[in-house]
Amino acid sequence: MEYQKHNPFPAECASGINYVAGYQMYIADVYITLACYFTKPTGKPPFAMFFEDMSDIKWDQSKEFLRFLRRREGMVRFPFIRKAKMGYIRTPEEGLTHVLNLEVVLTRIMESLKTSASQAGETYLIQFVEELLIKQEKCKKFLECHISTQKKLEEYSRQRRQSENPAGASEPGEDTSLMAVAYKIF
């Protein structure tokens, strides 16, 4: 079968694809940074393993967008390239909330790309983005579930500390951080 040459994407679609791919690479960097941040010598909490997996998934998705662009002879031009910028994350809940916010932004960017593709009549791009939007929703729900679990864990930890030590003073050498309690539970 002879290779069919396609016309390049319209400029707005190509720009959107580049932006989505670049943002996914940024999120992948944030995920792997957080996975390393929350990994302790005693082991990894479940969400750290999730962060590692999501980093790989986001890199793969960004590569897929770039392949999609290259198949149509589009130019790869990332609108930004930056390192993971998160500030100081003290608790798992803060880390999970941070990536949830990034996923929400990515969803908006992908919806904008889908709108551009619809206006340009790019049916394959629309289908591709729709499939990824479904995965985005699942990821957001999973993150929301983890945030809820972390809140419950933090409340449990706080109640336990209060019941064991009603005066509020911690015993010398006792690690009462949320991560220490999480490792005891998991």
C-alpha atoms as a PDB file:
ATOM      1  CA  MET A   1       0.000   0.000   0.000  1.00  0.00           C
ATOM      2  CA  GLU A   2       1.331   3.393  -0.933  1.00  0.00           C
ATOM      3  CA  TYR A   3       1.978   5.941   1.794  1.00  0.00           C
ATOM      4  CA  GLN A   4      -0.546   8.728   1.683  1.00  0.00           C
ATOM      5  CA  LYS A   5       0.851  12.151   2.349  1.00  0.00           C
ATOM      6  CA  HIS A   6      -1.380  14.304   4.522  1.00  0.00           C
ATOM      7  CA  ASN A   7      -1.537  18.041   4.560  1.00  0.00           C
ATOM      8  CA  PRO A   8       0.041  19.661   7.604  1.00  0.00           C
ATOM      9  CA  PHE A   9      -2.184  20.579  10.528  1.00  0.00           C
ATOM     10  CA  PRO A  10      -3.643  24.069  10.595  1.00  0.00           C
ATOM     11  CA  ALA A  11      -1.401  26.428  12.576  1.00  0.00           C
ATOM     12  CA  GLU A  12      -3.781  26.605  15.538  1.00  0.00           C
ATOM     13  CA  CYS A  13      -3.945  22.802  15.840  1.00  0.00           C
ATOM     14  CA  ALA A  14      -0.166  22.418  15.486  1.00  0.00           C
ATOM     15  CA  SER A  15       0.367  25.065  18.146  1.00  0.00           C
ATOM     16  CA  GLY A  16      -2.138  23.333  20.455  1.00  0.00           C
ATOM     17  CA  ILE A  17      -0.467  19.945  19.966  1.00  0.00           C
ATOM     18  CA  ASN A  18       2.935  21.459  20.795  1.00  0.00           C
ATOM     19  CA  TYR A  19       1.503  23.136  23.888  1.00  0.00           C
ATOM     20  CA  VAL A  20      -0.177  19.941  25.130  1.00  0.00           C
ATOM     21  CA  ALA A  21       2.997  17.896  24.543  1.00  0.00           C
ATOM     22  CA  GLY A  22       5.144  20.463  26.364  1.00  0.00           C
ATOM     23  CA  TYR A  23       2.731  20.692  29.293  1.00  0.00           C
ATOM     24  CA  GLN A  24       2.582  16.909  29.586  1.00  0.00           C
ATOM     25  CA  MET A  25       6.378  16.799  29.745  1.00  0.00           C
ATOM     26  CA  TYR A  26       6.275  19.423  32.483  1.00  0.00           C
ATOM     27  CA  ILE A  27       3.704  17.414  34.465  1.00  0.00           C
ATOM     28  CA  ALA A  28       5.782  14.257  34.001  1.00  0.00           C
ATOM     29  CA  ASP A  29       8.722  16.096  35.550  1.00  0.00           C
ATOM     30  CA  VAL A  30       6.558  17.219  38.484  1.00  0.00           C
ATOM     31  CA  TYR A  31       5.291  13.662  39.030  1.00  0.00           C
ATOM     32  CA  ILE A  32       8.778  12.119  39.088  1.00  0.00           C
ATOM     33  CA  THR A  33      10.066  14.896  41.361  1.00  0.00           C
ATOM     34  CA  LEU A  34       7.256  14.258  43.845  1.00  0.00           C
ATOM     35  CA  ALA A  35       7.764  10.493  43.647  1.00  0.00           C
ATOM     36  CA  CYS A  36      11.402  10.967  44.620  1.00  0.00           C
ATOM     37  CA  TYR A  37      10.507  13.519  47.289  1.00  0.00           C
ATOM     38  CA  PHE A  38       8.121  11.185  49.109  1.00  0.00           C
ATOM     39  CA  THR A  39      10.237   8.039  48.758  1.00  0.00           C
ATOM     40  CA  LYS A  40      11.866   7.173  52.065  1.00  0.00           C
ATOM     41  CA  PRO A  41      14.481   4.528  52.910  1.00  0.00           C
ATOM     42  CA  THR A  42      11.736   2.492  54.588  1.00  0.00           C
ATOM     43  CA  GLY A  43       9.653   2.314  51.418  1.00  0.00           C
ATOM     44  CA  LYS A  44       7.264   4.132  49.157  1.00  0.00           C
ATOM     45  CA  PRO A  45       3.722   5.140  49.992  1.00  0.00           C
ATOM     46  CA  PRO A  46       1.159   4.081  47.363  1.00  0.00           C
ATOM     47  CA  PHE A  47       0.814   7.564  45.911  1.00  0.00           C
ATOM     48  CA  ALA A  48       4.594   7.740  45.242  1.00  0.00           C
ATOM     49  CA  MET A  49       4.315   4.640  43.068  1.00  0.00           C
ATOM     50  CA  PHE A  50       1.331   6.266  41.359  1.00  0.00           C
ATOM     51  CA  PHE A  51       3.455   9.376  40.724  1.00  0.00           C
ATOM     52  CA  GLU A  52       6.177   7.275  39.076  1.00  0.00           C
ATOM     53  CA  ASP A  53       3.643   5.524  36.864  1.00  0.00           C
ATOM     54  CA  MET A  54       1.972   8.796  35.911  1.00  0.00           C
ATOM     55  CA  SER A  55       5.328  10.307  34.999  1.00  0.00           C
ATOM     56  CA  ASP A  56       5.899   7.496  32.512  1.00  0.00           C
ATOM     57  CA  ILE A  57       2.350   7.800  31.165  1.00  0.00           C
ATOM     58  CA  LYS A  58       2.626  11.565  30.656  1.00  0.00           C
ATOM     59  CA  TRP A  59       5.954  11.185  28.825  1.00  0.00           C
ATOM     60  CA  ASP A  60       4.423   8.507  26.577  1.00  0.00           C
ATOM     61  CA  GLN A  61       1.383  10.672  25.867  1.00  0.00           C
ATOM     62  CA  SER A  62       3.535  13.657  24.993  1.00  0.00           C
ATOM     63  CA  LYS A  63       5.578  11.499  22.612  1.00  0.00           C
ATOM     64  CA  GLU A  64       2.366  10.275  21.027  1.00  0.00           C
ATOM     65  CA  PHE A  65       1.228  13.866  20.428  1.00  0.00           C
ATOM     66  CA  LEU A  66       4.577  14.667  18.830  1.00  0.00           C
ATOM     67  CA  ARG A  67       4.385  11.570  16.616  1.00  0.00           C
ATOM     68  CA  PHE A  68       0.893  12.629  15.619  1.00  0.00           C
ATOM     69  CA  LEU A  69       2.263  16.049  14.680  1.00  0.00           C
ATOM     70  CA  ARG A  70       5.269  14.668  12.791  1.00  0.00           C
ATOM     71  CA  ARG A  71       3.122  12.269  10.742  1.00  0.00           C
ATOM     72  CA  ARG A  72       1.460  15.340   9.310  1.00  0.00           C
ATOM     73  CA  GLU A  73       4.788  17.065   8.685  1.00  0.00           C
ATOM     74  CA  GLY A  74       4.262  19.540  11.514  1.00  0.00           C
ATOM     75  CA  MET A  75       7.111  21.299  13.266  1.00  0.00           C
ATOM     76  CA  VAL A  76       7.852  20.517  16.903  1.00  0.00           C
ATOM     77  CA  ARG A  77       7.995  23.856  18.694  1.00  0.00           C
ATOM     78  CA  PHE A  78       7.477  23.756  22.426  1.00  0.00           C
ATOM     79  CA  PRO A  79       6.072  27.023  23.743  1.00  0.00           C
ATOM     80  CA  PHE A  80       7.952  26.512  27.025  1.00  0.00           C
ATOM     81  CA  ILE A  81      10.447  24.188  28.604  1.00  0.00           C
ATOM     82  CA  ARG A  82      10.877  24.420  32.345  1.00  0.00           C
ATOM     83  CA  LYS A  83      11.779  22.353  35.336  1.00  0.00           C
ATOM     84  CA  ALA A  84       9.251  21.234  37.879  1.00  0.00           C
ATOM     85  CA  LYS A  85       8.417  24.272  39.983  1.00  0.00           C
ATOM     86  CA  MET A  86       6.439  23.408  43.067  1.00  0.00           C
ATOM     87  CA  GLY A  87       7.684  25.413  45.990  1.00  0.00           C
ATOM     88  CA  TYR A  88       7.971  23.629  49.299  1.00  0.00           C
ATOM     89  CA  ILE A  89       5.602  20.666  49.606  1.00  0.00           C
ATOM     90  CA  ARG A  90       5.241  19.678  53.269  1.00  0.00           C
ATOM     91  CA  THR A  91       2.598  16.979  53.118  1.00  0.00           C
ATOM     92  CA  PRO A  92       1.391  14.347  50.664  1.00  0.00           C
ATOM     93  CA  GLU A  93      -1.931  16.167  50.507  1.00  0.00           C
ATOM     94  CA  GLU A  94      -0.170  19.301  49.226  1.00  0.00           C
ATOM     95  CA  GLY A  95       1.675  17.261  46.590  1.00  0.00           C
ATOM     96  CA  LEU A  96      -1.487  15.524  45.459  1.00  0.00           C
ATOM     97  CA  THR A  97      -3.391  18.819  45.324  1.00  0.00           C
ATOM     98  CA  HIS A  98      -0.585  20.381  43.282  1.00  0.00           C
ATOM     99  CA  VAL A  99      -0.670  17.663  40.611  1.00  0.00           C
ATOM    100  CA  LEU A 100      -4.477  17.671  40.609  1.00  0.00           C
ATOM    101  CA  ASN A 101      -4.372  21.394  39.770  1.00  0.00           C
ATOM    102  CA  LEU A 102      -1.888  20.696  36.967  1.00  0.00           C
ATOM    103  CA  GLU A 103      -4.146  17.947  35.606  1.00  0.00           C
ATOM    104  CA  VAL A 104      -7.108  20.348  35.626  1.00  0.00           C
ATOM    105  CA  VAL A 105      -5.078  22.874  33.604  1.00  0.00           C
ATOM    106  CA  LEU A 106      -4.001  20.125  31.185  1.00  0.00           C
ATOM    107  CA  THR A 107      -7.636  19.108  30.735  1.00  0.00           C
ATOM    108  CA  ARG A 108      -8.556  22.695  29.826  1.00  0.00           C
ATOM    109  CA  ILE A 109      -5.683  22.877  27.338  1.00  0.00           C
ATOM    110  CA  MET A 110      -6.748  19.572  25.763  1.00  0.00           C
ATOM    111  CA  GLU A 111     -10.366  20.751  25.533  1.00  0.00           C
ATOM    112  CA  SER A 112      -9.146  23.878  23.776  1.00  0.00           C
ATOM    113  CA  LEU A 113      -7.177  21.692  21.340  1.00  0.00           C
ATOM    114  CA  LYS A 114     -10.278  19.584  20.743  1.00  0.00           C
ATOM    115  CA  THR A 115     -12.256  22.743  19.949  1.00  0.00           C
ATOM    116  CA  SER A 116      -9.570  23.891  17.497  1.00  0.00           C
ATOM    117  CA  ALA A 117      -9.548  20.456  15.875  1.00  0.00           C
ATOM    118  CA  SER A 118     -13.350  20.522  15.568  1.00  0.00           C
ATOM    119  CA  GLN A 119     -13.272  23.910  13.876  1.00  0.00           C
ATOM    120  CA  ALA A 120     -10.574  22.661  11.483  1.00  0.00           C
ATOM    121  CA  GLY A 121     -12.415  19.390  10.784  1.00  0.00           C
ATOM    122  CA  GLU A 122      -9.535  17.213  12.050  1.00  0.00           C
ATOM    123  CA  THR A 123     -11.496  14.069  12.950  1.00  0.00           C
ATOM    124  CA  TYR A 124      -8.505  11.873  13.871  1.00  0.00           C
ATOM    125  CA  LEU A 125      -7.136  14.527  16.185  1.00  0.00           C
ATOM    126  CA  ILE A 126     -10.555  14.928  17.792  1.00  0.00           C
ATOM    127  CA  GLN A 127     -10.781  11.176  18.446  1.00  0.00           C
ATOM    128  CA  PHE A 128      -7.242  11.071  19.826  1.00  0.00           C
ATOM    129  CA  VAL A 129      -7.873  13.975  22.193  1.00  0.00           C
ATOM    130  CA  GLU A 130     -11.243  12.559  23.294  1.00  0.00           C
ATOM    131  CA  GLU A 131      -9.586   9.275  24.281  1.00  0.00           C
ATOM    132  CA  LEU A 132      -7.019  11.148  26.342  1.00  0.00           C
ATOM    133  CA  LEU A 133      -9.690  13.345  27.942  1.00  0.00           C
ATOM    134  CA  ILE A 134     -11.393  10.190  29.234  1.00  0.00           C
ATOM    135  CA  LYS A 135      -8.072   9.116  30.772  1.00  0.00           C
ATOM    136  CA  GLN A 136      -7.663  12.612  32.215  1.00  0.00           C
ATOM    137  CA  GLU A 137     -10.999  12.344  34.004  1.00  0.00           C
ATOM    138  CA  LYS A 138     -10.032   8.981  35.488  1.00  0.00           C
ATOM    139  CA  CYS A 139      -6.715  10.420  36.653  1.00  0.00           C
ATOM    140  CA  LYS A 140      -8.411  13.442  38.244  1.00  0.00           C
ATOM    141  CA  LYS A 141     -10.891  11.206  40.090  1.00  0.00           C
ATOM    142  CA  PHE A 142      -8.052   8.996  41.291  1.00  0.00           C
ATOM    143  CA  LEU A 143      -6.143  12.028  42.593  1.00  0.00           C
ATOM    144  CA  GLU A 144      -9.263  13.350  44.319  1.00  0.00           C
ATOM    145  CA  CYS A 145      -9.697   9.958  45.984  1.00  0.00           C
ATOM    146  CA  HIS A 146      -6.069  10.001  47.173  1.00  0.00           C
ATOM    147  CA  ILE A 147      -6.495  13.541  48.522  1.00  0.00           C
ATOM    148  CA  SER A 148      -9.575  12.434  50.448  1.00  0.00           C
ATOM    149  CA  THR A 149      -7.673   9.446  51.828  1.00  0.00           C
ATOM    150  CA  GLN A 150      -4.759  11.652  52.879  1.00  0.00           C
ATOM    151  CA  LYS A 151      -7.148  14.034  54.680  1.00  0.00           C
ATOM    152  CA  LYS A 152      -8.663  11.108  56.566  1.00  0.00           C
ATOM    153  CA  LEU A 153      -5.200   9.790  57.368  1.00  0.00           C
ATOM    154  CA  GLU A 154      -4.109  13.187  58.646  1.00  0.00           C
ATOM    155  CA  GLU A 155      -7.237  13.470  60.819  1.00  0.00           C
ATOM    156  CA  TYR A 156      -6.662   9.956  62.158  1.00  0.00           C
ATOM    157  CA  SER A 157      -3.041  10.807  62.921  1.00  0.00           C
ATOM    158  CA  ARG A 158      -4.041  14.009  64.714  1.00  0.00           C
ATOM    159  CA  GLN A 159      -6.685  12.217  66.810  1.00  0.00           C
ATOM    160  CA  ARG A 160      -4.270   9.445  67.668  1.00  0.00           C
ATOM    161  CA  ARG A 161      -1.596  11.899  68.822  1.00  0.00           C
ATOM    162  CA  GLN A 162      -4.161  13.723  70.957  1.00  0.00           C
ATOM    163  CA  SER A 163      -5.457  10.529  72.556  1.00  0.00           C
ATOM    164  CA  GLU A 164      -1.954   9.181  73.264  1.00  0.00           C
ATOM    165  CA  ASN A 165      -0.611  12.460  74.506  1.00  0.00           C
ATOM    166  CA  PRO A 166      -3.457  14.652  75.823  1.00  0.00           C
ATOM    167  CA  ALA A 167      -1.133  17.363  77.133  1.00  0.00           C
ATOM    168  CA  GLY A 168       0.084  17.994  73.574  1.00  0.00           C
ATOM    169  CA  ALA A 169       3.736  17.329  74.307  1.00  0.00           C
ATOM    170  CA  SER A 170       5.357  14.731  72.130  1.00  0.00           C
ATOM    171  CA  GLU A 171       7.593  12.111  73.625  1.00  0.00           C
ATOM    172  CA  PRO A 172      11.301  12.532  72.977  1.00  0.00           C
ATOM    173  CA  GLY A 173      12.477  10.737  69.850  1.00  0.00           C
ATOM    174  CA  GLU A 174       8.953  10.045  68.590  1.00  0.00           C
ATOM    175  CA  ASP A 175       8.321  10.875  64.954  1.00  0.00           C
ATOM    176  CA  THR A 176       4.772  12.216  64.778  1.00  0.00           C
ATOM    177  CA  SER A 177       4.883  13.472  61.209  1.00  0.00           C
ATOM    178  CA  LEU A 178       2.153  12.456  58.811  1.00  0.00           C
ATOM    179  CA  MET A 179       4.588  10.431  56.736  1.00  0.00           C
ATOM    180  CA  ALA A 180       5.751   8.438  59.765  1.00  0.00           C
ATOM    181  CA  VAL A 181       2.168   7.561  60.650  1.00  0.00           C
ATOM    182  CA  ALA A 182       1.400   6.694  57.011  1.00  0.00           C
ATOM    183  CA  TYR A 183       4.329   4.279  56.901  1.00  0.00           C
ATOM    184  CA  LYS A 184       3.080   2.596  60.085  1.00  0.00           C
ATOM    185  CA  ILE A 185      -0.379   2.153  58.590  1.00  0.00           C
ATOM    186  CA  PHE A 186       0.715   1.040  55.131  1.00  0.00           C
END
